[in-house]
Amino acid sequence: MRLYQMQDSGNCYKPRLLAHLLGLKLELVDVDILKGESRTADFLAKNLNGRTPTLELDDGQFLAESDAMLFYLAQGTSFWPDDTLARAQVLQWMFFEQYSHEPYIAVARFWNVIAPECPPSMQSRFPEWHQKGYAALDVMEKHLNGKHYFVGDTYTIADIALYAYTHKAEDGDFDLGSYPNIRNWLARIAAHPKHITMEDRNI
C-alpha cells in the first residue's frame, strides 16, 4: 500500500503507527500541502478533497480520512473489538477526536510550529483553541481515571486516533502537567514494543 502524507501531520501518523503495529508495509509518498501539492490535478484525482493522508490500496483504490484508514486496517485485529458495544465506544471516541479534539489541539499546533507564519487572524483564535482543547483534555482525563485505555482493557484504534495529536499537544502550547491520567496513558502507548514515533520513517 502507498500512503500520500506529510511526515509531521498527526493525521498521517495514525495509519503509519497502526500499520507498523500490525507489521504492514507502507510506501510513503510525501505531499507538501504548504506548497499546494495536494491541490494538483493529479492528487485531486486520488482524493477529491485535496487532503492528506490518502491511502492507495493494493488494488489501486484510494481511501481518504485518517480514521477511516484506521478502521480499514484494523479489521480482523485486536485493535478493532469483537463486542458490538465496544465497537460503538471505539467509534464514539474517534468521533470525539475529530469533532472536539483535533480541531483545536491539532490546529493550534499547526499554526504554532508547522505553518511558516501565523497571520493575525489565526493568532487571535488561540484563546478559543486553548479553551476548547483543554475542555477535550478534561474529558479524556476524567475518562482515563482508573483505565489503561479508552475502551476496555485493550489498545484500540480509539487510542491511536487520540494519541496522534495529544502527544504533541505541547507544540500548540497546551500544558499537560495537570493531566496525570493522560500522561500515564501516553507513556503506556509509547511503551508498546512495536511503537514508532511521528518522526520515524522506518515502516
N, C-alpha and C. Protein backbone atom coordinates (compact mmCIF):
# COMPACT_ATOMS: atom_id res chain seq x y z
N MET A 1 0.84 -1.19 0.00
CA MET A 1 0.00 0.00 0.00
C MET A 1 0.88 1.24 0.00
N ARG A 2 0.31 2.32 -0.47
CA ARG A 2 1.05 3.57 -0.60
C ARG A 2 0.30 4.67 0.16
N LEU A 3 1.03 5.39 1.02
CA LEU A 3 0.43 6.46 1.81
C LEU A 3 0.97 7.81 1.35
N TYR A 4 0.06 8.65 0.85
CA TYR A 4 0.40 10.02 0.49
C TYR A 4 0.23 10.86 1.75
N GLN A 5 1.29 11.54 2.17
CA GLN A 5 1.28 12.06 3.53
C GLN A 5 2.26 13.19 3.74
N MET A 6 2.11 13.86 4.91
CA MET A 6 3.12 14.78 5.45
C MET A 6 3.63 14.17 6.74
N GLN A 7 4.93 14.09 6.87
CA GLN A 7 5.53 13.37 8.00
C GLN A 7 5.14 13.94 9.35
N ASP A 8 5.02 15.28 9.45
CA ASP A 8 4.75 15.87 10.75
C ASP A 8 3.27 16.11 11.02
N SER A 9 2.41 15.48 10.23
CA SER A 9 0.97 15.55 10.45
C SER A 9 0.51 14.41 11.37
N GLY A 10 -0.25 14.75 12.40
CA GLY A 10 -0.79 13.72 13.27
C GLY A 10 -1.76 12.80 12.56
N ASN A 11 -2.56 13.36 11.66
CA ASN A 11 -3.50 12.53 10.91
C ASN A 11 -2.76 11.52 10.03
N CYS A 12 -1.62 11.92 9.48
CA CYS A 12 -0.83 10.99 8.66
C CYS A 12 -0.10 9.98 9.52
N TYR A 13 0.23 10.37 10.73
CA TYR A 13 0.90 9.47 11.67
C TYR A 13 0.01 8.30 12.07
N LYS A 14 -1.29 8.54 12.17
CA LYS A 14 -2.21 7.49 12.62
C LYS A 14 -2.09 6.20 11.80
N PRO A 15 -2.28 6.23 10.46
CA PRO A 15 -2.16 4.98 9.71
C PRO A 15 -0.75 4.42 9.70
N ARG A 16 0.28 5.28 9.76
CA ARG A 16 1.66 4.77 9.85
C ARG A 16 1.86 3.97 11.12
N LEU A 17 1.37 4.51 12.23
CA LEU A 17 1.54 3.83 13.51
C LEU A 17 0.81 2.49 13.52
N LEU A 18 -0.45 2.48 13.09
CA LEU A 18 -1.19 1.23 13.09
C LEU A 18 -0.56 0.21 12.14
N ALA A 19 -0.15 0.64 10.97
CA ALA A 19 0.49 -0.28 10.02
C ALA A 19 1.72 -0.92 10.64
N HIS A 20 2.51 -0.13 11.35
CA HIS A 20 3.72 -0.68 11.98
C HIS A 20 3.36 -1.66 13.09
N LEU A 21 2.36 -1.33 13.88
CA LEU A 21 1.91 -2.23 14.94
C LEU A 21 1.45 -3.57 14.37
N LEU A 22 0.88 -3.53 13.17
CA LEU A 22 0.35 -4.75 12.53
C LEU A 22 1.37 -5.42 11.61
N GLY A 23 2.53 -4.84 11.46
CA GLY A 23 3.54 -5.43 10.58
C GLY A 23 3.23 -5.26 9.11
N LEU A 24 2.47 -4.21 8.76
CA LEU A 24 2.12 -3.94 7.37
C LEU A 24 3.10 -2.94 6.77
N LYS A 25 3.48 -3.15 5.53
CA LYS A 25 4.41 -2.25 4.87
C LYS A 25 3.65 -1.15 4.14
N LEU A 26 4.15 0.07 4.27
CA LEU A 26 3.59 1.21 3.56
C LEU A 26 4.70 1.91 2.80
N GLU A 27 4.43 2.23 1.55
CA GLU A 27 5.32 3.11 0.81
C GLU A 27 4.87 4.54 1.08
N LEU A 28 5.79 5.37 1.54
CA LEU A 28 5.45 6.74 1.89
C LEU A 28 5.76 7.67 0.73
N VAL A 29 4.76 8.47 0.37
CA VAL A 29 4.93 9.48 -0.67
C VAL A 29 4.63 10.83 -0.03
N ASP A 30 5.64 11.66 0.09
CA ASP A 30 5.47 12.95 0.76
C ASP A 30 4.74 13.94 -0.14
N VAL A 31 3.78 14.63 0.46
CA VAL A 31 2.98 15.65 -0.24
C VAL A 31 3.06 16.91 0.61
N ASP A 32 3.63 17.96 0.08
CA ASP A 32 3.78 19.21 0.83
C ASP A 32 2.55 20.08 0.62
N ILE A 33 1.67 20.06 1.60
CA ILE A 33 0.43 20.84 1.47
C ILE A 33 0.73 22.34 1.51
N LEU A 34 1.83 22.72 2.15
CA LEU A 34 2.18 24.13 2.23
C LEU A 34 2.58 24.71 0.87
N LYS A 35 2.96 23.81 -0.03
CA LYS A 35 3.32 24.22 -1.39
C LYS A 35 2.21 23.93 -2.40
N GLY A 36 1.05 23.53 -1.89
CA GLY A 36 -0.09 23.28 -2.77
C GLY A 36 -0.06 21.94 -3.49
N GLU A 37 0.80 21.02 -3.04
CA GLU A 37 0.94 19.75 -3.76
C GLU A 37 -0.29 18.85 -3.63
N SER A 38 -1.16 19.12 -2.67
CA SER A 38 -2.39 18.33 -2.55
C SER A 38 -3.52 18.91 -3.38
N ARG A 39 -3.25 19.99 -4.09
CA ARG A 39 -4.27 20.66 -4.89
C ARG A 39 -4.02 20.52 -6.39
N THR A 40 -3.06 19.71 -6.75
CA THR A 40 -2.80 19.48 -8.16
C THR A 40 -3.86 18.56 -8.75
N ALA A 41 -4.01 18.59 -10.06
CA ALA A 41 -4.99 17.73 -10.73
C ALA A 41 -4.69 16.26 -10.46
N ASP A 42 -3.41 15.92 -10.44
CA ASP A 42 -3.02 14.53 -10.20
C ASP A 42 -3.44 14.06 -8.82
N PHE A 43 -3.21 14.91 -7.81
CA PHE A 43 -3.59 14.50 -6.46
C PHE A 43 -5.10 14.50 -6.27
N LEU A 44 -5.77 15.48 -6.83
CA LEU A 44 -7.23 15.55 -6.69
C LEU A 44 -7.91 14.36 -7.35
N ALA A 45 -7.26 13.73 -8.31
CA ALA A 45 -7.80 12.51 -8.91
C ALA A 45 -7.76 11.36 -7.91
N LYS A 46 -6.89 11.46 -6.92
CA LYS A 46 -6.79 10.44 -5.88
C LYS A 46 -7.72 10.74 -4.71
N ASN A 47 -7.85 12.03 -4.40
CA ASN A 47 -8.66 12.47 -3.26
C ASN A 47 -9.31 13.80 -3.62
N LEU A 48 -10.60 13.78 -3.90
CA LEU A 48 -11.30 14.98 -4.34
C LEU A 48 -11.25 16.11 -3.32
N ASN A 49 -11.03 15.76 -2.06
CA ASN A 49 -10.99 16.77 -1.01
C ASN A 49 -9.61 17.42 -0.91
N GLY A 50 -8.64 16.89 -1.63
CA GLY A 50 -7.32 17.51 -1.67
C GLY A 50 -6.61 17.56 -0.34
N ARG A 51 -6.69 16.46 0.41
CA ARG A 51 -6.08 16.45 1.74
C ARG A 51 -5.22 15.20 1.93
N THR A 52 -4.26 15.34 2.83
CA THR A 52 -3.50 14.18 3.29
C THR A 52 -4.00 13.82 4.69
N PRO A 53 -3.90 12.53 5.05
CA PRO A 53 -3.36 11.42 4.26
C PRO A 53 -4.37 10.89 3.25
N THR A 54 -3.84 10.24 2.24
CA THR A 54 -4.63 9.47 1.29
C THR A 54 -3.93 8.12 1.14
N LEU A 55 -4.69 7.07 1.29
CA LEU A 55 -4.12 5.72 1.25
C LEU A 55 -4.49 5.05 -0.07
N GLU A 56 -3.48 4.61 -0.81
CA GLU A 56 -3.70 3.83 -2.02
C GLU A 56 -3.62 2.36 -1.67
N LEU A 57 -4.70 1.65 -1.90
CA LEU A 57 -4.77 0.24 -1.55
C LEU A 57 -4.08 -0.62 -2.59
N ASP A 58 -3.90 -1.89 -2.26
CA ASP A 58 -3.19 -2.79 -3.17
C ASP A 58 -3.88 -2.93 -4.51
N ASP A 59 -5.21 -2.75 -4.52
CA ASP A 59 -5.95 -2.90 -5.78
C ASP A 59 -6.07 -1.59 -6.55
N GLY A 60 -5.39 -0.53 -6.09
CA GLY A 60 -5.40 0.74 -6.79
C GLY A 60 -6.50 1.70 -6.37
N GLN A 61 -7.38 1.27 -5.47
CA GLN A 61 -8.40 2.19 -4.96
C GLN A 61 -7.79 3.11 -3.91
N PHE A 62 -8.47 4.24 -3.68
CA PHE A 62 -7.96 5.24 -2.74
C PHE A 62 -8.94 5.42 -1.58
N LEU A 63 -8.37 5.63 -0.42
CA LEU A 63 -9.17 5.84 0.78
C LEU A 63 -8.69 7.12 1.46
N ALA A 64 -9.62 8.02 1.75
CA ALA A 64 -9.32 9.27 2.43
C ALA A 64 -9.77 9.19 3.88
N GLU A 65 -9.36 10.18 4.67
CA GLU A 65 -9.71 10.36 6.07
C GLU A 65 -8.96 9.36 6.97
N SER A 66 -8.17 9.91 7.88
CA SER A 66 -7.27 9.10 8.69
C SER A 66 -8.00 8.06 9.54
N ASP A 67 -9.13 8.45 10.13
CA ASP A 67 -9.84 7.50 10.99
C ASP A 67 -10.50 6.39 10.18
N ALA A 68 -10.89 6.69 8.94
CA ALA A 68 -11.40 5.63 8.06
C ALA A 68 -10.29 4.63 7.75
N MET A 69 -9.07 5.12 7.58
CA MET A 69 -7.94 4.22 7.33
C MET A 69 -7.69 3.33 8.54
N LEU A 70 -7.79 3.90 9.74
CA LEU A 70 -7.64 3.09 10.95
C LEU A 70 -8.67 1.97 10.97
N PHE A 71 -9.91 2.32 10.68
CA PHE A 71 -10.98 1.32 10.66
C PHE A 71 -10.68 0.23 9.64
N TYR A 72 -10.26 0.62 8.45
CA TYR A 72 -9.98 -0.34 7.38
C TYR A 72 -8.85 -1.28 7.76
N LEU A 73 -7.76 -0.72 8.25
CA LEU A 73 -6.59 -1.54 8.56
C LEU A 73 -6.79 -2.43 9.79
N ALA A 74 -7.66 -2.02 10.69
CA ALA A 74 -7.83 -2.74 11.95
C ALA A 74 -8.75 -3.94 11.87
N GLN A 75 -9.47 -4.09 10.76
CA GLN A 75 -10.42 -5.20 10.66
C GLN A 75 -9.72 -6.54 10.86
N GLY A 76 -10.31 -7.38 11.73
CA GLY A 76 -9.76 -8.70 12.00
C GLY A 76 -8.57 -8.71 12.93
N THR A 77 -8.31 -7.57 13.59
CA THR A 77 -7.18 -7.48 14.52
C THR A 77 -7.69 -7.11 15.90
N SER A 78 -6.79 -7.16 16.88
CA SER A 78 -7.17 -6.83 18.25
C SER A 78 -7.45 -5.34 18.42
N PHE A 79 -7.09 -4.53 17.45
CA PHE A 79 -7.32 -3.09 17.56
C PHE A 79 -8.76 -2.71 17.23
N TRP A 80 -9.54 -3.68 16.75
CA TRP A 80 -10.98 -3.47 16.49
C TRP A 80 -11.72 -4.56 17.25
N PRO A 81 -12.45 -4.21 18.33
CA PRO A 81 -13.05 -5.22 19.22
C PRO A 81 -14.09 -6.09 18.52
N ASP A 82 -14.36 -7.24 19.12
CA ASP A 82 -15.41 -8.14 18.64
C ASP A 82 -16.78 -7.73 19.16
N ASP A 83 -16.82 -7.20 20.36
CA ASP A 83 -18.08 -6.85 21.02
C ASP A 83 -18.73 -5.63 20.35
N THR A 84 -20.02 -5.71 20.12
CA THR A 84 -20.74 -4.64 19.42
C THR A 84 -20.69 -3.32 20.18
N LEU A 85 -20.92 -3.36 21.50
CA LEU A 85 -20.88 -2.12 22.27
C LEU A 85 -19.47 -1.55 22.29
N ALA A 86 -18.47 -2.39 22.45
CA ALA A 86 -17.09 -1.92 22.45
C ALA A 86 -16.75 -1.26 21.11
N ARG A 87 -17.23 -1.82 20.02
CA ARG A 87 -17.01 -1.21 18.70
C ARG A 87 -17.63 0.19 18.64
N ALA A 88 -18.85 0.29 19.16
CA ALA A 88 -19.52 1.59 19.16
C ALA A 88 -18.76 2.59 20.03
N GLN A 89 -18.20 2.12 21.13
CA GLN A 89 -17.42 3.01 22.00
C GLN A 89 -16.13 3.46 21.33
N VAL A 90 -15.50 2.57 20.57
CA VAL A 90 -14.32 2.97 19.80
C VAL A 90 -14.69 4.09 18.84
N LEU A 91 -15.79 3.91 18.13
CA LEU A 91 -16.24 4.94 17.20
C LEU A 91 -16.59 6.23 17.94
N GLN A 92 -17.19 6.09 19.11
CA GLN A 92 -17.55 7.27 19.91
C GLN A 92 -16.31 8.13 20.15
N TRP A 93 -15.21 7.51 20.55
CA TRP A 93 -14.00 8.27 20.85
C TRP A 93 -13.33 8.77 19.58
N MET A 94 -13.47 8.06 18.48
CA MET A 94 -12.92 8.54 17.23
C MET A 94 -13.70 9.74 16.71
N PHE A 95 -15.02 9.73 16.89
CA PHE A 95 -15.82 10.90 16.51
C PHE A 95 -15.48 12.08 17.43
N PHE A 96 -15.30 11.79 18.71
CA PHE A 96 -14.90 12.82 19.67
C PHE A 96 -13.58 13.46 19.23
N GLU A 97 -12.64 12.63 18.81
CA GLU A 97 -11.34 13.15 18.38
C GLU A 97 -11.47 14.10 17.21
N GLN A 98 -12.29 13.76 16.25
CA GLN A 98 -12.42 14.60 15.06
C GLN A 98 -13.27 15.84 15.29
N TYR A 99 -14.19 15.80 16.24
CA TYR A 99 -15.11 16.93 16.44
C TYR A 99 -14.70 17.83 17.60
N SER A 100 -14.24 17.24 18.72
CA SER A 100 -13.99 18.01 19.94
C SER A 100 -12.52 18.16 20.29
N HIS A 101 -11.63 17.46 19.61
CA HIS A 101 -10.22 17.40 19.98
C HIS A 101 -9.32 17.94 18.88
N GLU A 102 -9.31 17.29 17.74
CA GLU A 102 -8.42 17.65 16.64
C GLU A 102 -8.60 19.09 16.15
N PRO A 103 -9.83 19.61 16.04
CA PRO A 103 -9.99 20.97 15.51
C PRO A 103 -9.33 22.05 16.35
N TYR A 104 -8.97 21.74 17.59
CA TYR A 104 -8.38 22.73 18.48
C TYR A 104 -6.93 22.40 18.80
N ILE A 105 -6.66 21.18 19.25
CA ILE A 105 -5.30 20.81 19.62
C ILE A 105 -4.41 20.71 18.39
N ALA A 106 -4.91 20.11 17.34
CA ALA A 106 -4.10 19.99 16.12
C ALA A 106 -3.94 21.33 15.41
N VAL A 107 -5.00 22.11 15.37
CA VAL A 107 -4.94 23.39 14.66
C VAL A 107 -4.00 24.36 15.37
N ALA A 108 -4.04 24.38 16.71
CA ALA A 108 -3.10 25.23 17.45
C ALA A 108 -1.66 24.81 17.17
N ARG A 109 -1.42 23.51 17.10
CA ARG A 109 -0.07 23.02 16.79
C ARG A 109 0.35 23.44 15.39
N PHE A 110 -0.56 23.32 14.44
CA PHE A 110 -0.23 23.66 13.05
C PHE A 110 0.24 25.10 12.94
N TRP A 111 -0.54 26.02 13.51
CA TRP A 111 -0.21 27.43 13.35
C TRP A 111 0.96 27.83 14.25
N ASN A 112 1.26 27.04 15.25
CA ASN A 112 2.36 27.38 16.16
C ASN A 112 3.71 26.87 15.68
N VAL A 113 3.74 25.68 15.07
CA VAL A 113 5.04 25.08 14.75
C VAL A 113 5.20 24.59 13.31
N ILE A 114 4.13 24.48 12.54
CA ILE A 114 4.24 23.91 11.20
C ILE A 114 4.10 24.97 10.12
N ALA A 115 3.09 25.81 10.22
CA ALA A 115 2.89 26.87 9.21
C ALA A 115 4.08 27.82 9.23
N PRO A 116 4.51 28.29 8.06
CA PRO A 116 5.67 29.19 8.02
C PRO A 116 5.44 30.50 8.74
N GLU A 117 4.20 30.95 8.82
CA GLU A 117 3.86 32.15 9.59
C GLU A 117 2.41 32.07 10.01
N CYS A 118 2.10 32.73 11.09
CA CYS A 118 0.74 32.72 11.61
C CYS A 118 0.16 34.12 11.48
N PRO A 119 -0.80 34.31 10.56
CA PRO A 119 -1.38 35.65 10.37
C PRO A 119 -2.18 36.08 11.58
N PRO A 120 -2.37 37.37 11.75
CA PRO A 120 -3.12 37.88 12.91
C PRO A 120 -4.50 37.25 13.06
N SER A 121 -5.15 36.94 11.95
CA SER A 121 -6.49 36.35 12.03
C SER A 121 -6.46 34.99 12.72
N MET A 122 -5.34 34.26 12.59
CA MET A 122 -5.19 32.98 13.26
C MET A 122 -4.67 33.17 14.68
N GLN A 123 -3.76 34.10 14.88
CA GLN A 123 -3.23 34.37 16.22
C GLN A 123 -4.35 34.71 17.19
N SER A 124 -5.35 35.42 16.71
CA SER A 124 -6.45 35.83 17.58
C SER A 124 -7.33 34.68 18.01
N ARG A 125 -7.17 33.52 17.37
CA ARG A 125 -8.03 32.38 17.69
C ARG A 125 -7.40 31.43 18.71
N PHE A 126 -6.15 31.66 19.07
CA PHE A 126 -5.50 30.77 20.04
C PHE A 126 -6.27 30.66 21.36
N PRO A 127 -6.80 31.74 21.93
CA PRO A 127 -7.57 31.58 23.18
C PRO A 127 -8.76 30.63 23.02
N GLU A 128 -9.45 30.71 21.90
CA GLU A 128 -10.59 29.80 21.65
C GLU A 128 -10.09 28.36 21.52
N TRP A 129 -9.01 28.16 20.74
CA TRP A 129 -8.48 26.80 20.57
C TRP A 129 -8.04 26.22 21.91
N HIS A 130 -7.40 27.03 22.74
CA HIS A 130 -6.96 26.54 24.04
C HIS A 130 -8.14 26.23 24.95
N GLN A 131 -9.13 27.09 24.95
CA GLN A 131 -10.30 26.83 25.79
C GLN A 131 -10.97 25.51 25.41
N LYS A 132 -11.20 25.31 24.13
CA LYS A 132 -11.90 24.11 23.68
C LYS A 132 -10.99 22.88 23.71
N GLY A 133 -9.70 23.09 23.46
CA GLY A 133 -8.77 21.98 23.56
C GLY A 133 -8.64 21.47 24.97
N TYR A 134 -8.55 22.38 25.93
CA TYR A 134 -8.49 21.96 27.34
C TYR A 134 -9.78 21.28 27.77
N ALA A 135 -10.90 21.72 27.21
CA ALA A 135 -12.17 21.05 27.53
C ALA A 135 -12.13 19.60 27.08
N ALA A 136 -11.55 19.34 25.90
CA ALA A 136 -11.42 17.97 25.42
C ALA A 136 -10.46 17.18 26.31
N LEU A 137 -9.36 17.79 26.70
CA LEU A 137 -8.40 17.11 27.58
C LEU A 137 -9.03 16.80 28.93
N ASP A 138 -9.88 17.69 29.43
CA ASP A 138 -10.58 17.43 30.69
C ASP A 138 -11.45 16.17 30.59
N VAL A 139 -12.16 16.04 29.47
CA VAL A 139 -13.00 14.85 29.27
C VAL A 139 -12.14 13.60 29.24
N MET A 140 -11.04 13.65 28.53
CA MET A 140 -10.15 12.50 28.42
C MET A 140 -9.56 12.13 29.79
N GLU A 141 -9.13 13.13 30.54
CA GLU A 141 -8.53 12.90 31.85
C GLU A 141 -9.51 12.20 32.78
N LYS A 142 -10.75 12.66 32.81
CA LYS A 142 -11.76 12.04 33.67
C LYS A 142 -12.06 10.61 33.21
N HIS A 143 -12.16 10.41 31.91
CA HIS A 143 -12.48 9.08 31.41
C HIS A 143 -11.37 8.08 31.72
N LEU A 144 -10.13 8.52 31.67
CA LEU A 144 -9.00 7.61 31.86
C LEU A 144 -8.71 7.31 33.34
N ASN A 145 -9.45 7.92 34.23
CA ASN A 145 -9.24 7.64 35.66
C ASN A 145 -9.50 6.15 35.94
N GLY A 146 -8.47 5.43 36.34
CA GLY A 146 -8.61 4.01 36.63
C GLY A 146 -8.61 3.12 35.40
N LYS A 147 -8.37 3.68 34.23
CA LYS A 147 -8.39 2.91 32.98
C LYS A 147 -7.01 2.94 32.31
N HIS A 148 -6.68 1.86 31.62
CA HIS A 148 -5.43 1.80 30.87
C HIS A 148 -5.60 2.35 29.46
N TYR A 149 -6.78 2.13 28.88
CA TYR A 149 -7.04 2.54 27.51
C TYR A 149 -8.44 3.15 27.43
N PHE A 150 -8.81 3.66 26.27
CA PHE A 150 -10.09 4.35 26.17
C PHE A 150 -11.28 3.41 26.13
N VAL A 151 -11.10 2.20 25.59
CA VAL A 151 -12.20 1.23 25.52
C VAL A 151 -11.74 -0.09 26.10
N GLY A 152 -12.33 -0.49 27.21
CA GLY A 152 -11.97 -1.75 27.83
C GLY A 152 -10.52 -1.75 28.29
N ASP A 153 -9.93 -2.93 28.28
CA ASP A 153 -8.54 -3.09 28.72
C ASP A 153 -7.60 -3.31 27.54
N THR A 154 -8.04 -2.93 26.36
CA THR A 154 -7.29 -3.24 25.15
C THR A 154 -6.93 -1.97 24.37
N TYR A 155 -5.74 -1.96 23.84
CA TYR A 155 -5.26 -0.90 22.96
C TYR A 155 -6.03 -1.00 21.65
N THR A 156 -6.79 0.04 21.30
CA THR A 156 -7.61 0.01 20.09
C THR A 156 -7.29 1.23 19.22
N ILE A 157 -7.95 1.29 18.08
CA ILE A 157 -7.75 2.43 17.19
C ILE A 157 -8.29 3.73 17.79
N ALA A 158 -9.13 3.64 18.82
CA ALA A 158 -9.55 4.85 19.52
C ALA A 158 -8.34 5.51 20.18
N ASP A 159 -7.47 4.68 20.75
CA ASP A 159 -6.26 5.21 21.39
C ASP A 159 -5.33 5.83 20.36
N ILE A 160 -5.18 5.18 19.21
CA ILE A 160 -4.32 5.72 18.16
C ILE A 160 -4.85 7.06 17.68
N ALA A 161 -6.15 7.14 17.46
CA ALA A 161 -6.75 8.39 16.97
C ALA A 161 -6.47 9.54 17.92
N LEU A 162 -6.59 9.28 19.22
CA LEU A 162 -6.41 10.33 20.21
C LEU A 162 -4.94 10.58 20.54
N TYR A 163 -4.12 9.55 20.44
CA TYR A 163 -2.70 9.70 20.75
C TYR A 163 -2.00 10.64 19.77
N ALA A 164 -2.38 10.57 18.51
CA ALA A 164 -1.63 11.24 17.44
C ALA A 164 -1.39 12.72 17.73
N TYR A 165 -2.40 13.43 18.15
CA TYR A 165 -2.21 14.85 18.43
C TYR A 165 -2.05 15.15 19.92
N THR A 166 -2.56 14.28 20.80
CA THR A 166 -2.39 14.55 22.23
C THR A 166 -0.92 14.52 22.63
N HIS A 167 -0.16 13.59 22.06
CA HIS A 167 1.25 13.50 22.49
C HIS A 167 2.08 14.66 21.94
N LYS A 168 1.51 15.43 21.03
CA LYS A 168 2.17 16.64 20.52
C LYS A 168 1.43 17.91 20.96
N ALA A 169 0.57 17.79 21.97
CA ALA A 169 -0.25 18.94 22.37
C ALA A 169 0.60 20.12 22.83
N GLU A 170 1.76 19.85 23.42
CA GLU A 170 2.60 20.95 23.89
C GLU A 170 3.12 21.80 22.74
N ASP A 171 3.15 21.24 21.52
CA ASP A 171 3.52 22.04 20.35
C ASP A 171 2.53 23.17 20.10
N GLY A 172 1.31 23.00 20.59
CA GLY A 172 0.30 24.05 20.46
C GLY A 172 0.14 24.86 21.73
N ASP A 173 1.15 24.75 22.61
CA ASP A 173 1.17 25.48 23.89
C ASP A 173 0.10 25.00 24.86
N PHE A 174 -0.23 23.70 24.79
CA PHE A 174 -1.07 23.09 25.81
C PHE A 174 -0.15 22.49 26.88
N ASP A 175 -0.48 22.70 28.13
CA ASP A 175 0.30 22.18 29.25
C ASP A 175 -0.39 20.94 29.80
N LEU A 176 0.27 19.79 29.69
CA LEU A 176 -0.30 18.54 30.17
C LEU A 176 0.09 18.24 31.62
N GLY A 177 0.70 19.21 32.30
CA GLY A 177 1.19 18.98 33.66
C GLY A 177 0.12 18.59 34.65
N SER A 178 -1.10 19.06 34.46
CA SER A 178 -2.18 18.76 35.40
C SER A 178 -3.07 17.62 34.92
N TYR A 179 -2.53 16.80 34.00
CA TYR A 179 -3.29 15.68 33.45
C TYR A 179 -2.52 14.38 33.65
N PRO A 180 -2.42 13.88 34.88
CA PRO A 180 -1.62 12.67 35.13
C PRO A 180 -2.16 11.43 34.43
N ASN A 181 -3.47 11.30 34.32
CA ASN A 181 -4.03 10.11 33.66
C ASN A 181 -3.68 10.10 32.17
N ILE A 182 -3.74 11.28 31.56
CA ILE A 182 -3.36 11.38 30.15
C ILE A 182 -1.88 11.09 29.98
N ARG A 183 -1.04 11.64 30.85
CA ARG A 183 0.40 11.42 30.73
C ARG A 183 0.75 9.94 30.90
N ASN A 184 0.10 9.27 31.83
CA ASN A 184 0.33 7.84 32.02
C ASN A 184 -0.12 7.04 30.81
N TRP A 185 -1.25 7.43 30.24
CA TRP A 185 -1.75 6.76 29.03
C TRP A 185 -0.80 6.98 27.85
N LEU A 186 -0.31 8.20 27.69
CA LEU A 186 0.65 8.47 26.61
C LEU A 186 1.89 7.59 26.77
N ALA A 187 2.38 7.48 27.99
CA ALA A 187 3.56 6.65 28.25
C ALA A 187 3.27 5.18 27.96
N ARG A 188 2.07 4.75 28.27
CA ARG A 188 1.68 3.35 28.02
C ARG A 188 1.66 3.07 26.52
N ILE A 189 1.12 3.98 25.72
CA ILE A 189 1.10 3.80 24.27
C ILE A 189 2.52 3.78 23.72
N ALA A 190 3.35 4.70 24.18
CA ALA A 190 4.73 4.80 23.67
C ALA A 190 5.58 3.60 24.07
N ALA A 191 5.18 2.90 25.13
CA ALA A 191 5.96 1.75 25.61
C ALA A 191 5.66 0.46 24.85
N HIS A 192 4.69 0.48 23.95
CA HIS A 192 4.39 -0.74 23.18
C HIS A 192 5.63 -1.14 22.39
N PRO A 193 5.97 -2.43 22.39
CA PRO A 193 7.23 -2.85 21.75
C PRO A 193 7.31 -2.55 20.26
N LYS A 194 6.18 -2.35 19.59
CA LYS A 194 6.21 -2.05 18.16
C LYS A 194 5.87 -0.58 17.87
N HIS A 195 5.96 0.23 18.89
CA HIS A 195 5.63 1.65 18.71
C HIS A 195 6.67 2.34 17.83
N ILE A 196 6.21 3.28 17.04
CA ILE A 196 7.11 4.18 16.31
C ILE A 196 6.71 5.61 16.61
N THR A 197 7.67 6.51 16.53
CA THR A 197 7.39 7.92 16.76
C THR A 197 6.86 8.57 15.49
N MET A 198 6.37 9.78 15.62
CA MET A 198 5.89 10.51 14.45
C MET A 198 7.02 10.75 13.45
N GLU A 199 8.23 10.88 13.94
CA GLU A 199 9.37 11.19 13.09
C GLU A 199 9.92 9.97 12.35
N ASP A 200 9.56 8.78 12.79
CA ASP A 200 10.12 7.54 12.25
C ASP A 200 9.55 7.23 10.87
N ARG A 201 10.43 6.99 9.91
CA ARG A 201 10.01 6.60 8.56
C ARG A 201 10.31 5.11 8.29
N ASN A 202 10.83 4.42 9.27
CA ASN A 202 11.21 3.02 9.07
C ASN A 202 10.01 2.11 9.29
N ILE A 203 9.10 2.13 8.32
CA ILE A 203 7.91 1.30 8.46
C ILE A 203 7.78 0.35 7.26
